[in-house]
Amino acid sequence: MKYIINTKKVIFTQLGEEGVLMDVEKNEYQSMNETYFRIFQMVSEGEDSEDIIHALREEYQVEEQVCRAEVERVIQELLKKEYIR
């Protein structure tokens, strides 16, 4: 499934290998570790869940089941916070 960034609610930037989200409605910052940022970045580039899983498995040499669970967890969190749709 493809998602899009909710640009009315959140902005983000990269800081080294990691990143920062700003919830513009709450005026709150959230730091993102490298993996979390990479998932968010790929969502912003229009990648779907399967493409994200494939890319992360290649980058980090992680098992599919572990990768899929982490991607799904991050995407659900981003949806809950309404940072993506």
PDB file of N, CA and C in Angstrom:
ATOM      1  N   MET A   1       0.842  -1.176   0.000  1.00  0.00           N
ATOM      2  CA  MET A   1       0.000   0.000   0.000  1.00  0.00           C
ATOM      3  C   MET A   1       0.889   1.242   0.000  1.00  0.00           C
ATOM      4  N   LYS A   2       0.453   2.262  -0.738  1.00  0.00           N
ATOM      5  CA  LYS A   2       1.184   3.520  -0.770  1.00  0.00           C
ATOM      6  C   LYS A   2       0.554   4.516   0.192  1.00  0.00           C
ATOM      7  N   TYR A   3       1.395   5.343   0.776  1.00  0.00           N
ATOM      8  CA  TYR A   3       0.956   6.370   1.709  1.00  0.00           C
ATOM      9  C   TYR A   3       1.525   7.701   1.239  1.00  0.00           C
ATOM     10  N   ILE A   4       0.944   8.786   1.725  1.00  0.00           N
ATOM     11  CA  ILE A   4       1.487  10.109   1.442  1.00  0.00           C
ATOM     12  C   ILE A   4       1.685  10.853   2.755  1.00  0.00           C
ATOM     13  N   ILE A   5       2.632  11.784   2.742  1.00  0.00           N
ATOM     14  CA  ILE A   5       2.910  12.592   3.915  1.00  0.00           C
ATOM     15  C   ILE A   5       1.800  13.612   4.084  1.00  0.00           C
ATOM     16  N   ASN A   6       1.321  13.791   5.293  1.00  0.00           N
ATOM     17  CA  ASN A   6       0.311  14.800   5.614  1.00  0.00           C
ATOM     18  C   ASN A   6       1.039  16.124   5.844  1.00  0.00           C
ATOM     19  N   THR A   7       1.287  16.856   4.774  1.00  0.00           N
ATOM     20  CA  THR A   7       2.093  18.075   4.841  1.00  0.00           C
ATOM     21  C   THR A   7       1.416  19.200   5.615  1.00  0.00           C
ATOM     22  N   LYS A   8       0.131  19.059   5.903  1.00  0.00           N
ATOM     23  CA  LYS A   8      -0.541  20.070   6.727  1.00  0.00           C
ATOM     24  C   LYS A   8      -0.263  19.841   8.204  1.00  0.00           C
ATOM     25  N   LYS A   9       0.199  18.650   8.543  1.00  0.00           N
ATOM     26  CA  LYS A   9       0.419  18.292   9.944  1.00  0.00           C
ATOM     27  C   LYS A   9       1.894  18.186  10.310  1.00  0.00           C
ATOM     28  N   VAL A  10       2.735  17.780   9.378  1.00  0.00           N
ATOM     29  CA  VAL A  10       4.117  17.452   9.730  1.00  0.00           C
ATOM     30  C   VAL A  10       5.107  17.912   8.660  1.00  0.00           C
ATOM     31  N   ILE A  11       6.281  18.315   9.135  1.00  0.00           N
ATOM     32  CA  ILE A  11       7.420  18.554   8.255  1.00  0.00           C
ATOM     33  C   ILE A  11       8.583  17.739   8.810  1.00  0.00           C
ATOM     34  N   PHE A  12       9.540  17.422   7.948  1.00  0.00           N
ATOM     35  CA  PHE A  12      10.663  16.622   8.423  1.00  0.00           C
ATOM     36  C   PHE A  12      11.939  17.032   7.716  1.00  0.00           C
ATOM     37  N   THR A  13      13.046  16.725   8.369  1.00  0.00           N
ATOM     38  CA  THR A  13      14.347  16.997   7.788  1.00  0.00           C
ATOM     39  C   THR A  13      15.328  15.939   8.248  1.00  0.00           C
ATOM     40  N   GLN A  14      16.368  15.765   7.461  1.00  0.00           N
ATOM     41  CA  GLN A  14      17.411  14.806   7.799  1.00  0.00           C
ATOM     42  C   GLN A  14      18.509  15.503   8.581  1.00  0.00           C
ATOM     43  N   LEU A  15      19.011  14.819   9.602  1.00  0.00           N
ATOM     44  CA  LEU A  15      20.149  15.282  10.396  1.00  0.00           C
ATOM     45  C   LEU A  15      21.154  14.142  10.441  1.00  0.00           C
ATOM     46  N   GLY A  16      22.125  14.178   9.575  1.00  0.00           N
ATOM     47  CA  GLY A  16      23.064  13.061   9.477  1.00  0.00           C
ATOM     48  C   GLY A  16      22.341  11.844   8.956  1.00  0.00           C
ATOM     49  N   GLU A  17      22.480  10.727   9.649  1.00  0.00           N
ATOM     50  CA  GLU A  17      21.803   9.490   9.262  1.00  0.00           C
ATOM     51  C   GLU A  17      20.392   9.416   9.832  1.00  0.00           C
ATOM     52  N   GLU A  18      20.056  10.314  10.737  1.00  0.00           N
ATOM     53  CA  GLU A  18      18.764  10.306  11.397  1.00  0.00           C
ATOM     54  C   GLU A  18      17.923  11.474  10.901  1.00  0.00           C
ATOM     55  N   GLY A  19      16.796  11.731  11.549  1.00  0.00           N
ATOM     56  CA  GLY A  19      15.934  12.813  11.120  1.00  0.00           C
ATOM     57  C   GLY A  19      15.088  13.349  12.257  1.00  0.00           C
ATOM     58  N   VAL A  20      14.376  14.439  11.942  1.00  0.00           N
ATOM     59  CA  VAL A  20      13.499  15.082  12.909  1.00  0.00           C
ATOM     60  C   VAL A  20      12.175  15.381  12.223  1.00  0.00           C
ATOM     61  N   LEU A  21      11.084  15.059  12.923  1.00  0.00           N
ATOM     62  CA  LEU A  21       9.734  15.424  12.486  1.00  0.00           C
ATOM     63  C   LEU A  21       9.261  16.578  13.348  1.00  0.00           C
ATOM     64  N   MET A  22       8.505  17.475  12.761  1.00  0.00           N
ATOM     65  CA  MET A  22       7.855  18.509  13.558  1.00  0.00           C
ATOM     66  C   MET A  22       6.370  18.452  13.296  1.00  0.00           C
ATOM     67  N   ASP A  23       5.616  18.226  14.361  1.00  0.00           N
ATOM     68  CA  ASP A  23       4.162  18.261  14.290  1.00  0.00           C
ATOM     69  C   ASP A  23       3.782  19.731  14.385  1.00  0.00           C
ATOM     70  N   VAL A  24       3.373  20.321  13.253  1.00  0.00           N
ATOM     71  CA  VAL A  24       3.111  21.754  13.218  1.00  0.00           C
ATOM     72  C   VAL A  24       1.850  22.140  13.978  1.00  0.00           C
ATOM     73  N   GLU A  25       0.936  21.202  14.159  1.00  0.00           N
ATOM     74  CA  GLU A  25      -0.269  21.501  14.929  1.00  0.00           C
ATOM     75  C   GLU A  25       0.017  21.566  16.422  1.00  0.00           C
ATOM     76  N   LYS A  26       0.892  20.685  16.903  1.00  0.00           N
ATOM     77  CA  LYS A  26       1.209  20.626  18.329  1.00  0.00           C
ATOM     78  C   LYS A  26       2.492  21.375  18.670  1.00  0.00           C
ATOM     79  N   ASN A  27       3.217  21.820  17.629  1.00  0.00           N
ATOM     80  CA  ASN A  27       4.501  22.485  17.810  1.00  0.00           C
ATOM     81  C   ASN A  27       5.461  21.600  18.619  1.00  0.00           C
ATOM     82  N   GLU A  28       5.502  20.304  18.234  1.00  0.00           N
ATOM     83  CA  GLU A  28       6.338  19.321  18.919  1.00  0.00           C
ATOM     84  C   GLU A  28       7.306  18.681  17.924  1.00  0.00           C
ATOM     85  N   TYR A  29       8.512  18.422  18.408  1.00  0.00           N
ATOM     86  CA  TYR A  29       9.520  17.734  17.616  1.00  0.00           C
ATOM     87  C   TYR A  29       9.610  16.280  18.035  1.00  0.00           C
ATOM     88  N   GLN A  30       9.951  15.428  17.083  1.00  0.00           N
ATOM     89  CA  GLN A  30      10.195  14.019  17.368  1.00  0.00           C
ATOM     90  C   GLN A  30      11.440  13.619  16.598  1.00  0.00           C
ATOM     91  N   SER A  31      12.437  13.141  17.314  1.00  0.00           N
ATOM     92  CA  SER A  31      13.625  12.654  16.622  1.00  0.00           C
ATOM     93  C   SER A  31      13.357  11.243  16.111  1.00  0.00           C
ATOM     94  N   MET A  32      13.986  10.912  15.004  1.00  0.00           N
ATOM     95  CA  MET A  32      13.809   9.608  14.372  1.00  0.00           C
ATOM     96  C   MET A  32      15.167   8.935  14.253  1.00  0.00           C
ATOM     97  N   ASN A  33      15.245   7.675  14.654  1.00  0.00           N
ATOM     98  CA  ASN A  33      16.487   6.947  14.431  1.00  0.00           C
ATOM     99  C   ASN A  33      16.641   6.672  12.935  1.00  0.00           C
ATOM    100  N   GLU A  34      17.751   6.105  12.562  1.00  0.00           N
ATOM    101  CA  GLU A  34      18.074   5.899  11.154  1.00  0.00           C
ATOM    102  C   GLU A  34      17.012   5.089  10.416  1.00  0.00           C
ATOM    103  N   THR A  35      16.555   3.996  11.029  1.00  0.00           N
ATOM    104  CA  THR A  35      15.568   3.136  10.374  1.00  0.00           C
ATOM    105  C   THR A  35      14.217   3.832  10.253  1.00  0.00           C
ATOM    106  N   TYR A  36      13.769   4.449  11.325  1.00  0.00           N
ATOM    107  CA  TYR A  36      12.492   5.175  11.332  1.00  0.00           C
ATOM    108  C   TYR A  36      12.525   6.267  10.260  1.00  0.00           C
ATOM    109  N   PHE A  37      13.631   7.019  10.211  1.00  0.00           N
ATOM    110  CA  PHE A  37      13.758   8.077   9.215  1.00  0.00           C
ATOM    111  C   PHE A  37      13.741   7.510   7.809  1.00  0.00           C
ATOM    112  N   ARG A  38      14.435   6.403   7.610  1.00  0.00           N
ATOM    113  CA  ARG A  38      14.499   5.809   6.266  1.00  0.00           C
ATOM    114  C   ARG A  38      13.106   5.390   5.799  1.00  0.00           C
ATOM    115  N   ILE A  39      12.312   4.812   6.692  1.00  0.00           N
ATOM    116  CA  ILE A  39      10.937   4.443   6.341  1.00  0.00           C
ATOM    117  C   ILE A  39      10.142   5.689   5.969  1.00  0.00           C
ATOM    118  N   PHE A  40      10.229   6.724   6.790  1.00  0.00           N
ATOM    119  CA  PHE A  40       9.491   7.958   6.528  1.00  0.00           C
ATOM    120  C   PHE A  40       9.939   8.583   5.205  1.00  0.00           C
ATOM    121  N   GLN A  41      11.228   8.572   4.965  1.00  0.00           N
ATOM    122  CA  GLN A  41      11.781   9.135   3.732  1.00  0.00           C
ATOM    123  C   GLN A  41      11.251   8.389   2.509  1.00  0.00           C
ATOM    124  N   MET A  42      11.220   7.068   2.578  1.00  0.00           N
ATOM    125  CA  MET A  42      10.729   6.288   1.438  1.00  0.00           C
ATOM    126  C   MET A  42       9.230   6.497   1.226  1.00  0.00           C
ATOM    127  N   VAL A  43       8.471   6.675   2.287  1.00  0.00           N
ATOM    128  CA  VAL A  43       7.046   7.014   2.140  1.00  0.00           C
ATOM    129  C   VAL A  43       6.936   8.336   1.383  1.00  0.00           C
ATOM    130  N   SER A  44       7.764   9.306   1.752  1.00  0.00           N
ATOM    131  CA  SER A  44       7.710  10.625   1.100  1.00  0.00           C
ATOM    132  C   SER A  44       8.100  10.554  -0.376  1.00  0.00           C
ATOM    133  N   GLU A  45       8.856   9.524  -0.744  1.00  0.00           N
ATOM    134  CA  GLU A  45       9.266   9.332  -2.137  1.00  0.00           C
ATOM    135  C   GLU A  45       8.256   8.508  -2.935  1.00  0.00           C
ATOM    136  N   GLY A  46       7.146   8.129  -2.286  1.00  0.00           N
ATOM    137  CA  GLY A  46       6.087   7.401  -2.976  1.00  0.00           C
ATOM    138  C   GLY A  46       6.240   5.895  -3.002  1.00  0.00           C
ATOM    139  N   GLU A  47       7.164   5.380  -2.203  1.00  0.00           N
ATOM    140  CA  GLU A  47       7.358   3.926  -2.154  1.00  0.00           C
ATOM    141  C   GLU A  47       6.216   3.274  -1.374  1.00  0.00           C
ATOM    142  N   ASP A  48       5.813   2.072  -1.814  1.00  0.00           N
ATOM    143  CA  ASP A  48       4.792   1.357  -1.059  1.00  0.00           C
ATOM    144  C   ASP A  48       5.453   0.458  -0.015  1.00  0.00           C
ATOM    145  N   SER A  49       4.659  -0.166   0.811  1.00  0.00           N
ATOM    146  CA  SER A  49       5.163  -0.978   1.928  1.00  0.00           C
ATOM    147  C   SER A  49       6.118  -2.066   1.464  1.00  0.00           C
ATOM    148  N   GLU A  50       5.765  -2.755   0.399  1.00  0.00           N
ATOM    149  CA  GLU A  50       6.610  -3.848  -0.086  1.00  0.00           C
ATOM    150  C   GLU A  50       7.956  -3.323  -0.591  1.00  0.00           C
ATOM    151  N   ASP A  51       7.953  -2.178  -1.270  1.00  0.00           N
ATOM    152  CA  ASP A  51       9.209  -1.583  -1.737  1.00  0.00           C
ATOM    153  C   ASP A  51      10.091  -1.178  -0.554  1.00  0.00           C
ATOM    154  N   ILE A  52       9.468  -0.647   0.484  1.00  0.00           N
ATOM    155  CA  ILE A  52      10.203  -0.237   1.684  1.00  0.00           C
ATOM    156  C   ILE A  52      10.839  -1.457   2.350  1.00  0.00           C
ATOM    157  N   ILE A  53      10.071  -2.517   2.491  1.00  0.00           N
ATOM    158  CA  ILE A  53      10.585  -3.743   3.100  1.00  0.00           C
ATOM    159  C   ILE A  53      11.759  -4.291   2.294  1.00  0.00           C
ATOM    160  N   HIS A  54      11.599  -4.344   0.994  1.00  0.00           N
ATOM    161  CA  HIS A  54      12.665  -4.856   0.127  1.00  0.00           C
ATOM    162  C   HIS A  54      13.933  -4.004   0.262  1.00  0.00           C
ATOM    163  N   ALA A  55      13.788  -2.695   0.220  1.00  0.00           N
ATOM    164  CA  ALA A  55      14.944  -1.790   0.308  1.00  0.00           C
ATOM    165  C   ALA A  55      15.651  -1.920   1.653  1.00  0.00           C
ATOM    166  N   LEU A  56      14.889  -1.977   2.732  1.00  0.00           N
ATOM    167  CA  LEU A  56      15.499  -2.094   4.057  1.00  0.00           C
ATOM    168  C   LEU A  56      16.197  -3.434   4.246  1.00  0.00           C
ATOM    169  N   ARG A  57      15.637  -4.485   3.695  1.00  0.00           N
ATOM    170  CA  ARG A  57      16.284  -5.801   3.793  1.00  0.00           C
ATOM    171  C   ARG A  57      17.622  -5.780   3.079  1.00  0.00           C
ATOM    172  N   GLU A  58      17.680  -5.094   1.956  1.00  0.00           N
ATOM    173  CA  GLU A  58      18.939  -4.980   1.211  1.00  0.00           C
ATOM    174  C   GLU A  58      19.946  -4.120   1.968  1.00  0.00           C
ATOM    175  N   GLU A  59      19.499  -2.995   2.501  1.00  0.00           N
ATOM    176  CA  GLU A  59      20.386  -2.057   3.194  1.00  0.00           C
ATOM    177  C   GLU A  59      20.926  -2.610   4.496  1.00  0.00           C
ATOM    178  N   TYR A  60      20.080  -3.291   5.268  1.00  0.00           N
ATOM    179  CA  TYR A  60      20.449  -3.703   6.619  1.00  0.00           C
ATOM    180  C   TYR A  60      20.645  -5.206   6.791  1.00  0.00           C
ATOM    181  N   GLN A  61      20.467  -5.980   5.727  1.00  0.00           N
ATOM    182  CA  GLN A  61      20.651  -7.433   5.797  1.00  0.00           C
ATOM    183  C   GLN A  61      19.852  -8.047   6.950  1.00  0.00           C
ATOM    184  N   VAL A  62      18.561  -7.714   6.988  1.00  0.00           N
ATOM    185  CA  VAL A  62      17.687  -8.189   8.062  1.00  0.00           C
ATOM    186  C   VAL A  62      16.693  -9.206   7.488  1.00  0.00           C
ATOM    187  N   GLU A  63      16.251 -10.132   8.341  1.00  0.00           N
ATOM    188  CA  GLU A  63      15.280 -11.138   7.921  1.00  0.00           C
ATOM    189  C   GLU A  63      13.957 -10.478   7.547  1.00  0.00           C
ATOM    190  N   GLU A  64      13.263 -11.076   6.581  1.00  0.00           N
ATOM    191  CA  GLU A  64      12.012 -10.492   6.100  1.00  0.00           C
ATOM    192  C   GLU A  64      10.978 -10.324   7.208  1.00  0.00           C
ATOM    193  N   GLN A  65      10.797 -11.320   8.034  1.00  0.00           N
ATOM    194  CA  GLN A  65       9.780 -11.265   9.094  1.00  0.00           C
ATOM    195  C   GLN A  65      10.066 -10.124  10.069  1.00  0.00           C
ATOM    196  N   VAL A  66      11.308  -9.954  10.454  1.00  0.00           N
ATOM    197  CA  VAL A  66      11.707  -8.886  11.370  1.00  0.00           C
ATOM    198  C   VAL A  66      11.497  -7.528  10.711  1.00  0.00           C
ATOM    199  N   CYS A  67      11.915  -7.420   9.455  1.00  0.00           N
ATOM    200  CA  CYS A  67      11.782  -6.163   8.725  1.00  0.00           C
ATOM    201  C   CYS A  67      10.315  -5.792   8.533  1.00  0.00           C
ATOM    202  N   ARG A  68       9.523  -6.749   8.120  1.00  0.00           N
ATOM    203  CA  ARG A  68       8.095  -6.501   7.882  1.00  0.00           C
ATOM    204  C   ARG A  68       7.408  -6.019   9.167  1.00  0.00           C
ATOM    205  N   ALA A  69       7.721  -6.650  10.283  1.00  0.00           N
ATOM    206  CA  ALA A  69       7.116  -6.259  11.559  1.00  0.00           C
ATOM    207  C   ALA A  69       7.500  -4.834  11.928  1.00  0.00           C
ATOM    208  N   GLU A  70       8.752  -4.461  11.727  1.00  0.00           N
ATOM    209  CA  GLU A  70       9.207  -3.113  12.066  1.00  0.00           C
ATOM    210  C   GLU A  70       8.581  -2.067  11.144  1.00  0.00           C
ATOM    211  N   VAL A  71       8.535  -2.343   9.852  1.00  0.00           N
ATOM    212  CA  VAL A  71       7.927  -1.408   8.902  1.00  0.00           C
ATOM    213  C   VAL A  71       6.453  -1.219   9.235  1.00  0.00           C
ATOM    214  N   GLU A  72       5.749  -2.296   9.489  1.00  0.00           N
ATOM    215  CA  GLU A  72       4.325  -2.202   9.830  1.00  0.00           C
ATOM    216  C   GLU A  72       4.116  -1.425  11.124  1.00  0.00           C
ATOM    217  N   ARG A  73       4.985  -1.639  12.112  1.00  0.00           N
ATOM    218  CA  ARG A  73       4.875  -0.914  13.384  1.00  0.00           C
ATOM    219  C   ARG A  73       5.062   0.587  13.167  1.00  0.00           C
ATOM    220  N   VAL A  74       6.073   0.962  12.406  1.00  0.00           N
ATOM    221  CA  VAL A  74       6.337   2.384  12.150  1.00  0.00           C
ATOM    222  C   VAL A  74       5.202   3.003  11.345  1.00  0.00           C
ATOM    223  N   ILE A  75       4.740   2.323  10.320  1.00  0.00           N
ATOM    224  CA  ILE A  75       3.646   2.862   9.500  1.00  0.00           C
ATOM    225  C   ILE A  75       2.381   3.030  10.335  1.00  0.00           C
ATOM    226  N   GLN A  76       2.066   2.075  11.189  1.00  0.00           N
ATOM    227  CA  GLN A  76       0.881   2.207  12.043  1.00  0.00           C
ATOM    228  C   GLN A  76       1.019   3.397  12.992  1.00  0.00           C
ATOM    229  N   GLU A  77       2.207   3.603  13.524  1.00  0.00           N
ATOM    230  CA  GLU A  77       2.441   4.752  14.402  1.00  0.00           C
ATOM    231  C   GLU A  77       2.275   6.068  13.639  1.00  0.00           C
ATOM    232  N   LEU A  78       2.807   6.117  12.425  1.00  0.00           N
ATOM    233  CA  LEU A  78       2.687   7.336  11.610  1.00  0.00           C
ATOM    234  C   LEU A  78       1.231   7.606  11.230  1.00  0.00           C
ATOM    235  N   LEU A  79       0.482   6.549  10.933  1.00  0.00           N
ATOM    236  CA  LEU A  79      -0.944   6.706  10.634  1.00  0.00           C
ATOM    237  C   LEU A  79      -1.712   7.198  11.860  1.00  0.00           C
ATOM    238  N   LYS A  80      -1.424   6.619  13.014  1.00  0.00           N
ATOM    239  CA  LYS A  80      -2.106   6.998  14.251  1.00  0.00           C
ATOM    240  C   LYS A  80      -1.877   8.466  14.568  1.00  0.00           C
ATOM    241  N   LYS A  81      -0.658   8.949  14.355  1.00  0.00           N
ATOM    242  CA  LYS A  81      -0.321  10.341  14.610  1.00  0.00           C
ATOM    243  C   LYS A  81      -0.765  11.271  13.487  1.00  0.00           C
ATOM    244  N   GLU A  82      -1.316  10.666  12.415  1.00  0.00           N
ATOM    245  CA  GLU A  82      -1.800  11.374  11.230  1.00  0.00           C
ATOM    246  C   GLU A  82      -0.676  12.107  10.487  1.00  0.00           C
ATOM    247  N   TYR A  83       0.543  11.559  10.561  1.00  0.00           N
ATOM    248  CA  TYR A  83       1.678  12.116   9.828  1.00  0.00           C
ATOM    249  C   TYR A  83       1.661  11.638   8.383  1.00  0.00           C
ATOM    250  N   ILE A  84       1.003  10.488   8.142  1.00  0.00           N
ATOM    251  CA  ILE A  84       0.818   9.987   6.783  1.00  0.00           C
ATOM    252  C   ILE A  84      -0.639   9.591   6.620  1.00  0.00           C
ATOM    253  N   ARG A  85      -1.040   9.475   5.354  1.00  0.00           N
ATOM    254  CA  ARG A  85      -2.417   9.046   5.028  1.00  0.00           C
ATOM    255  C   ARG A  85      -2.362   7.957   3.997  1.00  0.00           C
TER     256      ARG A  85
END
